[in-house]
Every structure is written in C-alpha cells, then in structure tokens.
C-alpha cells in the first residue's frame, strides 16, 4: 500500500526511537510492524533519512551490521524525540476523527444542531 503523504517521516522517527538502525532495518521494521501493509520505497527512505538528518531530527554514524557490513546508523536527537511525540499525538487525533466520520451512519443532509 502506498504511504499517505507525511507518514514516512514519523514512521522513520518511530523506527529509530529505541535503538539506532540502518536503512534496511528501518524499512524491514516498518514492513513487519504494519503486517506487510506499509512498504517503503528505498529511494524515498534514503531521501527522508537525509532530510530528517538535515533538519536535526536524526544524527548518524557509520557502524557494522550484524552481517558484518558497513552501514550508516541513525538515531533520534532530542529534537527528533519531541517531533515524534508531537506527530504521534497529531496522528492519534487525526485517525480517531477519520474513523468517527467514516463509521458515521448519517449523511450531510441529516446534520443535527
């Protein structure tokens, strides 16, 4: 399923909120946590990682993966943690409102005062 605009950044921030991770692990984590529904395009992922790092929400350093390959590992900054908390609250509010509207039995002509 294609990601809704604006969701990739918050998914990345959540993915690295507990431990630093490299791009492939971030992508795999999002896929696994969503039950395979959300799949991240590799090009979009690395573009978002660079953007988040430039905004000061992530920092990176080179390290070695469990398969003994060199990779860039990303972790949240304090600003990134604040951004994640703010965006998570926003998404909770947004998805609750969308669910309420989509499950409502009425129609626009039946709006009550």
Protein backbone atom coordinates (compact mmCIF):
# COMPACT_ATOMS: atom_id res chain seq x y z
CA UNK A 1 0.00 0.00 0.00
CA UNK A 2 1.27 3.46 -0.86
CA UNK A 3 2.09 5.60 2.17
CA UNK A 4 -0.11 8.60 2.89
CA UNK A 5 1.82 11.82 2.35
CA UNK A 6 3.58 12.91 5.51
CA UNK A 7 3.70 9.49 7.16
CA UNK A 8 7.17 8.31 6.17
CA UNK A 9 8.98 10.80 8.40
CA UNK A 10 7.03 9.83 11.51
CA UNK A 11 7.44 6.13 10.74
CA UNK A 12 11.20 6.59 10.49
CA UNK A 13 11.33 8.57 13.72
CA UNK A 14 9.39 5.82 15.48
CA UNK A 15 11.60 3.11 13.97
CA UNK A 16 14.74 4.62 15.49
CA UNK A 17 13.16 5.77 18.74
CA UNK A 18 14.54 2.86 20.80
CA UNK A 19 17.82 1.89 19.14
CA UNK A 20 19.91 3.24 16.28
CA UNK A 21 19.17 1.47 13.00
CA UNK A 22 20.35 1.47 9.40
CA UNK A 23 18.12 1.97 6.37
CA UNK A 24 17.39 -1.67 5.60
CA UNK A 25 16.43 -2.42 9.20
CA UNK A 26 14.18 0.66 9.31
CA UNK A 27 12.39 -0.45 6.15
CA UNK A 28 12.06 -4.03 7.42
CA UNK A 29 10.76 -2.87 10.82
CA UNK A 30 8.04 -0.72 9.21
CA UNK A 31 7.02 -3.63 6.99
CA UNK A 32 6.89 -6.06 9.93
CA UNK A 33 5.09 -3.72 12.33
CA UNK A 34 2.41 -2.96 9.73
CA UNK A 35 1.85 -6.63 8.92
CA UNK A 36 3.26 -6.09 5.43
CA UNK A 37 0.77 -3.33 4.59
CA UNK A 38 3.27 -0.45 4.60
CA UNK A 39 6.26 -0.96 2.35
CA UNK A 40 8.80 1.79 1.94
CA UNK A 41 10.42 2.61 -1.37
CA UNK A 42 14.20 2.53 -0.91
CA UNK A 43 14.75 5.83 -2.74
CA UNK A 44 12.10 7.61 -0.67
CA UNK A 45 13.53 6.14 2.54
CA UNK A 46 17.07 7.41 2.00
CA UNK A 47 15.82 10.79 0.82
CA UNK A 48 13.72 11.08 4.01
CA UNK A 49 16.65 9.99 6.19
CA UNK A 50 18.83 12.73 4.69
CA UNK A 51 16.04 15.31 5.10
CA UNK A 52 15.45 14.35 8.76
CA UNK A 53 19.17 14.50 9.46
CA UNK A 54 19.46 17.94 7.82
CA UNK A 55 16.56 19.16 9.99
CA UNK A 56 18.41 17.98 13.10
CA UNK A 57 15.84 15.31 13.98
CA UNK A 58 18.27 12.44 13.37
CA UNK A 59 22.00 12.00 13.69
CA UNK A 60 24.03 9.28 12.06
CA UNK A 61 27.30 7.47 12.31
CA UNK A 62 28.92 4.64 10.44
CA UNK A 63 28.94 1.21 12.02
CA UNK A 64 28.92 -2.50 11.20
CA UNK A 65 25.73 -4.53 10.80
CA UNK A 66 25.12 -7.99 12.25
CA UNK A 67 26.08 -9.35 8.80
CA UNK A 68 29.46 -7.58 9.09
CA UNK A 69 28.68 -4.88 6.52
CA UNK A 70 29.39 -1.20 6.92
CA UNK A 71 26.24 0.92 7.15
CA UNK A 72 25.07 4.30 8.37
CA UNK A 73 23.10 4.01 11.61
CA UNK A 74 20.51 6.65 12.51
CA UNK A 75 19.24 7.70 15.93
CA UNK A 76 16.89 10.34 17.29
CA UNK A 77 18.12 13.65 18.58
CA UNK A 78 16.28 15.42 21.41
CA UNK A 79 14.53 17.49 18.75
CA UNK A 80 13.60 14.29 16.91
CA UNK A 81 12.07 12.79 20.04
CA UNK A 82 9.99 15.96 20.56
CA UNK A 83 8.88 15.89 16.91
CA UNK A 84 7.89 12.22 17.20
CA UNK A 85 5.77 12.88 20.29
CA UNK A 86 4.06 15.84 18.63
CA UNK A 87 3.37 13.97 15.37
CA UNK A 88 2.14 10.85 17.21
CA UNK A 89 -0.43 12.97 19.09
CA UNK A 90 -1.48 14.60 15.82
CA UNK A 91 -1.92 11.21 14.10
CA UNK A 92 -3.90 9.83 17.04
CA UNK A 93 -6.29 12.79 16.83
CA UNK A 94 -6.50 12.63 13.03
CA UNK A 95 -7.12 8.88 12.77
CA UNK A 96 -9.73 8.96 15.55
CA UNK A 97 -11.59 11.76 13.76
CA UNK A 98 -11.38 9.96 10.40
CA UNK A 99 -12.68 6.73 11.93
CA UNK A 100 -15.57 8.60 13.54
CA UNK A 101 -16.55 10.22 10.24
CA UNK A 102 -16.16 7.06 8.16
CA UNK A 103 -18.22 4.97 10.58
CA UNK A 104 -20.97 7.55 10.98
CA UNK A 105 -24.38 6.38 9.74
CA UNK A 106 -25.69 9.80 8.76
CA UNK A 107 -25.40 11.93 5.66
CA UNK A 108 -24.78 15.68 5.26
CA UNK A 109 -28.49 16.44 4.99
CA UNK A 110 -29.05 14.87 8.43
CA UNK A 111 -26.64 17.07 10.41
CA UNK A 112 -28.14 17.94 13.78
CA UNK A 113 -27.58 21.21 15.59
